[in-house]
Amino acid sequence: LLTTAHDPEGRETIYDKLPRELPRLMPIGRLDLTSEGLLLLTNDGALSRRLEMPATGLVRQYRVRAYGKITQAQLDTLKDGIKVEGIAYGPIRAVLEEPVQAANVWIDISLQEGKNREIRRVLDFLGLTVNRLIRTAYGPFELGKLAPGAVEEVGDREFRRVMPV
């Protein structure tokens, strides 16, 4: 599903699948069409902007499957940031999952910035082709065992407990 309110090509969006009784919601960060996993939504525009800002220090975590070969030492070069095609990306923590299987590798990635297609571009620069990207956490919010398409509301009390204002 697309993370947009309306698609001119008529493809389904997240809003087509949300329960109708929910208020108008906007995404906190986006997932592109070929990504999956945790997507936070809010009805508070100021909160959305605040949580998306790298200055908040919220770590976004991903589990990534990519085609190609790479070593942990190569992934460690991302920890101080990297520049790809003139775009500077901040520090990225990338941990190669073991054992490496066949032609694909699984990598756990954590970053704070989350620029457009950042993980795909950086891993492509390192010679990998991402073929699955799953957001597993955004700050203190985790995907956990939430089923695909499921919606779970975070109440004000719980939100304040995990995200002090």
C-alpha atoms as a PDB file:
ATOM      1  CA  LEU A   1       0.000   0.000   0.000  1.00  0.00           C
ATOM      2  CA  LEU A   2       1.117   3.539  -0.631  1.00  0.00           C
ATOM      3  CA  THR A   3       1.777   5.874   2.278  1.00  0.00           C
ATOM      4  CA  THR A   4      -0.215   8.741   0.794  1.00  0.00           C
ATOM      5  CA  ALA A   5      -3.752  10.113   1.056  1.00  0.00           C
ATOM      6  CA  HIS A   6      -4.489   9.748  -2.679  1.00  0.00           C
ATOM      7  CA  ASP A   7      -2.755   8.080  -5.584  1.00  0.00           C
ATOM      8  CA  PRO A   8      -3.403   9.549  -9.052  1.00  0.00           C
ATOM      9  CA  GLU A   9      -2.836   6.058 -10.513  1.00  0.00           C
ATOM     10  CA  GLY A  10      -5.638   4.631  -8.360  1.00  0.00           C
ATOM     11  CA  ARG A  11      -3.500   2.232  -6.343  1.00  0.00           C
ATOM     12  CA  GLU A  12      -4.555   1.346  -2.806  1.00  0.00           C
ATOM     13  CA  THR A  13      -3.246   3.499   0.012  1.00  0.00           C
ATOM     14  CA  ILE A  14      -2.955   2.933   3.744  1.00  0.00           C
ATOM     15  CA  TYR A  15      -6.089   5.053   4.185  1.00  0.00           C
ATOM     16  CA  ASP A  16      -8.137   2.562   2.161  1.00  0.00           C
ATOM     17  CA  LYS A  17      -7.372  -0.082   4.791  1.00  0.00           C
ATOM     18  CA  LEU A  18      -7.620   1.905   8.045  1.00  0.00           C
ATOM     19  CA  PRO A  19     -10.746   1.508  10.182  1.00  0.00           C
ATOM     20  CA  ARG A  20     -13.262   4.199   9.169  1.00  0.00           C
ATOM     21  CA  GLU A  21     -13.892   5.295  12.768  1.00  0.00           C
ATOM     22  CA  LEU A  22     -10.340   6.631  13.156  1.00  0.00           C
ATOM     23  CA  PRO A  23      -9.791  10.389  12.905  1.00  0.00           C
ATOM     24  CA  ARG A  24      -7.778  11.902  10.048  1.00  0.00           C
ATOM     25  CA  LEU A  25      -4.259  10.567  10.461  1.00  0.00           C
ATOM     26  CA  MET A  26      -0.874  11.425   8.982  1.00  0.00           C
ATOM     27  CA  PRO A  27       2.223   9.219   8.876  1.00  0.00           C
ATOM     28  CA  ILE A  28       5.289   9.837  11.008  1.00  0.00           C
ATOM     29  CA  GLY A  29       7.930   9.058   8.434  1.00  0.00           C
ATOM     30  CA  ARG A  30       7.019   7.080   5.349  1.00  0.00           C
ATOM     31  CA  LEU A  31       7.555   3.631   4.016  1.00  0.00           C
ATOM     32  CA  ASP A  32       8.040   3.457   0.271  1.00  0.00           C
ATOM     33  CA  LEU A  33       5.974   1.075  -1.828  1.00  0.00           C
ATOM     34  CA  THR A  34       8.565  -1.701  -1.599  1.00  0.00           C
ATOM     35  CA  SER A  35       9.121  -1.428   2.180  1.00  0.00           C
ATOM     36  CA  GLU A  36       7.103  -2.912   5.006  1.00  0.00           C
ATOM     37  CA  GLY A  37       6.822  -2.908   8.765  1.00  0.00           C
ATOM     38  CA  LEU A  38       6.014  -0.399  11.476  1.00  0.00           C
ATOM     39  CA  LEU A  39       4.257   2.777  10.375  1.00  0.00           C
ATOM     40  CA  LEU A  40       3.309   5.318  13.021  1.00  0.00           C
ATOM     41  CA  LEU A  41       0.277   7.534  12.413  1.00  0.00           C
ATOM     42  CA  THR A  42      -0.946  10.557  14.347  1.00  0.00           C
ATOM     43  CA  ASN A  43      -3.646  13.196  14.187  1.00  0.00           C
ATOM     44  CA  ASP A  44      -1.205  15.826  15.527  1.00  0.00           C
ATOM     45  CA  GLY A  45       0.784  17.557  12.761  1.00  0.00           C
ATOM     46  CA  ALA A  46       3.212  19.243  15.169  1.00  0.00           C
ATOM     47  CA  LEU A  47       3.953  15.904  16.829  1.00  0.00           C
ATOM     48  CA  SER A  48       4.529  14.275  13.449  1.00  0.00           C
ATOM     49  CA  ARG A  49       7.054  16.933  12.454  1.00  0.00           C
ATOM     50  CA  ARG A  50       8.799  16.737  15.846  1.00  0.00           C
ATOM     51  CA  LEU A  51       9.172  12.949  15.760  1.00  0.00           C
ATOM     52  CA  GLU A  52      10.527  12.996  12.191  1.00  0.00           C
ATOM     53  CA  MET A  53      13.297  15.490  12.991  1.00  0.00           C
ATOM     54  CA  PRO A  54      16.767  13.914  13.359  1.00  0.00           C
ATOM     55  CA  ALA A  55      17.377  16.294  16.278  1.00  0.00           C
ATOM     56  CA  THR A  56      14.950  14.240  18.406  1.00  0.00           C
ATOM     57  CA  GLY A  57      17.474  11.409  18.283  1.00  0.00           C
ATOM     58  CA  LEU A  58      14.831   8.764  17.634  1.00  0.00           C
ATOM     59  CA  VAL A  59      16.453   5.655  16.206  1.00  0.00           C
ATOM     60  CA  ARG A  60      14.738   3.904  13.330  1.00  0.00           C
ATOM     61  CA  GLN A  61      15.515   0.186  13.170  1.00  0.00           C
ATOM     62  CA  TYR A  62      15.223  -2.047  10.135  1.00  0.00           C
ATOM     63  CA  ARG A  63      15.795  -5.643   9.177  1.00  0.00           C
ATOM     64  CA  VAL A  64      17.087  -5.737   5.611  1.00  0.00           C
ATOM     65  CA  ARG A  65      17.604  -8.600   3.181  1.00  0.00           C
ATOM     66  CA  ALA A  66      19.993  -7.791   0.359  1.00  0.00           C
ATOM     67  CA  TYR A  67      21.481  -9.647  -2.571  1.00  0.00           C
ATOM     68  CA  GLY A  68      25.261  -9.704  -2.690  1.00  0.00           C
ATOM     69  CA  LYS A  69      28.283 -10.321  -0.525  1.00  0.00           C
ATOM     70  CA  ILE A  70      29.561  -8.058   2.222  1.00  0.00           C
ATOM     71  CA  THR A  71      31.603  -8.281   5.393  1.00  0.00           C
ATOM     72  CA  GLN A  72      30.979  -6.774   8.795  1.00  0.00           C
ATOM     73  CA  ALA A  73      34.116  -4.671   8.300  1.00  0.00           C
ATOM     74  CA  GLN A  74      32.580  -3.125   5.160  1.00  0.00           C
ATOM     75  CA  LEU A  75      29.341  -2.382   7.021  1.00  0.00           C
ATOM     76  CA  ASP A  76      31.326  -0.817   9.864  1.00  0.00           C
ATOM     77  CA  THR A  77      32.458   1.926   7.453  1.00  0.00           C
ATOM     78  CA  LEU A  78      28.922   3.368   7.771  1.00  0.00           C
ATOM     79  CA  LYS A  79      29.252   4.167  11.479  1.00  0.00           C
ATOM     80  CA  ASP A  80      30.717   7.611  10.838  1.00  0.00           C
ATOM     81  CA  GLY A  81      28.354   8.458   7.991  1.00  0.00           C
ATOM     82  CA  ILE A  82      28.930   8.293   4.258  1.00  0.00           C
ATOM     83  CA  LYS A  83      28.532  10.479   1.197  1.00  0.00           C
ATOM     84  CA  VAL A  84      26.841   8.907  -1.839  1.00  0.00           C
ATOM     85  CA  GLU A  85      26.332  10.832  -5.071  1.00  0.00           C
ATOM     86  CA  GLY A  86      26.768  14.147  -3.282  1.00  0.00           C
ATOM     87  CA  ILE A  87      24.323  13.318  -0.460  1.00  0.00           C
ATOM     88  CA  ALA A  88      25.726  13.095   3.064  1.00  0.00           C
ATOM     89  CA  TYR A  89      24.155  10.390   5.216  1.00  0.00           C
ATOM     90  CA  GLY A  90      24.606  10.359   8.984  1.00  0.00           C
ATOM     91  CA  PRO A  91      25.947   7.514  11.082  1.00  0.00           C
ATOM     92  CA  ILE A  92      24.421   4.113  10.401  1.00  0.00           C
ATOM     93  CA  ARG A  93      24.820   1.072  12.614  1.00  0.00           C
ATOM     94  CA  ALA A  94      24.707  -2.054  10.452  1.00  0.00           C
ATOM     95  CA  VAL A  95      25.131  -5.572  11.824  1.00  0.00           C
ATOM     96  CA  LEU A  96      25.423  -8.569   9.537  1.00  0.00           C
ATOM     97  CA  GLU A  97      23.267 -11.459  10.701  1.00  0.00           C
ATOM     98  CA  GLU A  98      24.893 -14.867  10.785  1.00  0.00           C
ATOM     99  CA  PRO A  99      24.892 -17.277   9.183  1.00  0.00           C
ATOM    100  CA  VAL A 100      24.970 -15.779   5.708  1.00  0.00           C
ATOM    101  CA  GLN A 101      22.614 -17.773   3.491  1.00  0.00           C
ATOM    102  CA  ALA A 102      23.098 -18.354  -0.222  1.00  0.00           C
ATOM    103  CA  ALA A 103      23.181 -15.165  -2.286  1.00  0.00           C
ATOM    104  CA  ASN A 104      21.315 -12.980   0.225  1.00  0.00           C
ATOM    105  CA  VAL A 105      22.411 -11.451   3.504  1.00  0.00           C
ATOM    106  CA  TRP A 106      20.290 -10.153   6.375  1.00  0.00           C
ATOM    107  CA  ILE A 107      21.428  -6.940   8.043  1.00  0.00           C
ATOM    108  CA  ASP A 108      20.070  -5.169  11.128  1.00  0.00           C
ATOM    109  CA  ILE A 109      20.278  -1.422  10.506  1.00  0.00           C
ATOM    110  CA  SER A 110      19.774   1.477  12.910  1.00  0.00           C
ATOM    111  CA  LEU A 111      19.831   5.137  11.904  1.00  0.00           C
ATOM    112  CA  GLN A 112      18.500   8.470  13.117  1.00  0.00           C
ATOM    113  CA  GLU A 113      18.058  10.440   9.934  1.00  0.00           C
ATOM    114  CA  GLY A 114      15.975   8.362   7.564  1.00  0.00           C
ATOM    115  CA  LYS A 115      16.441  10.312   4.330  1.00  0.00           C
ATOM    116  CA  ASN A 116      14.497   9.226   1.257  1.00  0.00           C
ATOM    117  CA  ARG A 117      15.578   5.694   0.221  1.00  0.00           C
ATOM    118  CA  GLU A 118      18.670   6.048   2.429  1.00  0.00           C
ATOM    119  CA  ILE A 119      19.184   2.370   3.211  1.00  0.00           C
ATOM    120  CA  ARG A 120      18.723   1.286  -0.405  1.00  0.00           C
ATOM    121  CA  ARG A 121      21.150   3.940  -1.709  1.00  0.00           C
ATOM    122  CA  VAL A 122      23.832   3.303   0.888  1.00  0.00           C
ATOM    123  CA  LEU A 123      23.737  -0.484   0.508  1.00  0.00           C
ATOM    124  CA  ASP A 124      23.711  -0.133  -3.282  1.00  0.00           C
ATOM    125  CA  PHE A 125      26.865   1.982  -2.956  1.00  0.00           C
ATOM    126  CA  LEU A 126      28.411  -0.936  -1.030  1.00  0.00           C
ATOM    127  CA  GLY A 127      27.458  -3.367  -3.821  1.00  0.00           C
ATOM    128  CA  LEU A 128      24.246  -4.819  -2.366  1.00  0.00           C
ATOM    129  CA  THR A 129      20.730  -4.806  -3.803  1.00  0.00           C
ATOM    130  CA  VAL A 130      17.995  -4.536  -1.178  1.00  0.00           C
ATOM    131  CA  ASN A 131      15.160  -6.962  -1.883  1.00  0.00           C
ATOM    132  CA  ARG A 132      13.295  -6.694   1.432  1.00  0.00           C
ATOM    133  CA  LEU A 133      13.209  -3.852   3.945  1.00  0.00           C
ATOM    134  CA  ILE A 134      11.235  -4.110   7.189  1.00  0.00           C
ATOM    135  CA  ARG A 135      10.995  -1.262   9.722  1.00  0.00           C
ATOM    136  CA  THR A 136      11.016  -2.976  13.112  1.00  0.00           C
ATOM    137  CA  ALA A 137      11.107   0.058  15.418  1.00  0.00           C
ATOM    138  CA  TYR A 138      10.775   3.835  15.444  1.00  0.00           C
ATOM    139  CA  GLY A 139      12.129   5.233  18.692  1.00  0.00           C
ATOM    140  CA  PRO A 140      10.464   3.381  21.586  1.00  0.00           C
ATOM    141  CA  PHE A 141       7.705   1.983  19.353  1.00  0.00           C
ATOM    142  CA  GLU A 142       8.307  -1.585  18.146  1.00  0.00           C
ATOM    143  CA  LEU A 143       6.610  -3.719  15.529  1.00  0.00           C
ATOM    144  CA  GLY A 144       6.803  -6.770  17.771  1.00  0.00           C
ATOM    145  CA  LYS A 145       4.168  -9.365  16.864  1.00  0.00           C
ATOM    146  CA  LEU A 146       1.739  -6.879  15.264  1.00  0.00           C
ATOM    147  CA  ALA A 147       0.158  -8.657  12.299  1.00  0.00           C
ATOM    148  CA  PRO A 148       0.374  -7.178   8.774  1.00  0.00           C
ATOM    149  CA  GLY A 149      -2.398  -4.614   8.328  1.00  0.00           C
ATOM    150  CA  ALA A 150      -3.179  -4.503  12.052  1.00  0.00           C
ATOM    151  CA  VAL A 151      -3.725  -1.202  13.843  1.00  0.00           C
ATOM    152  CA  GLU A 152      -2.863  -0.662  17.489  1.00  0.00           C
ATOM    153  CA  GLU A 153      -3.694   2.607  19.223  1.00  0.00           C
ATOM    154  CA  VAL A 154      -1.254   4.127  21.684  1.00  0.00           C
ATOM    155  CA  GLY A 155      -3.176   6.082  24.306  1.00  0.00           C
ATOM    156  CA  ASP A 156      -2.032   9.433  25.713  1.00  0.00           C
ATOM    157  CA  ARG A 157      -0.887   7.897  29.013  1.00  0.00           C
ATOM    158  CA  GLU A 158       1.176   5.195  27.347  1.00  0.00           C
ATOM    159  CA  PHE A 159       2.580   7.670  24.818  1.00  0.00           C
ATOM    160  CA  ARG A 160       3.751  10.032  27.577  1.00  0.00           C
ATOM    161  CA  ARG A 161       5.326   7.101  29.410  1.00  0.00           C
ATOM    162  CA  VAL A 162       7.521   6.150  26.415  1.00  0.00           C
ATOM    163  CA  MET A 163       7.904   9.644  24.895  1.00  0.00           C
ATOM    164  CA  PRO A 164       8.319  12.264  27.607  1.00  0.00           C
ATOM    165  CA  VAL A 165       7.348  15.688  26.270  1.00  0.00           C
END
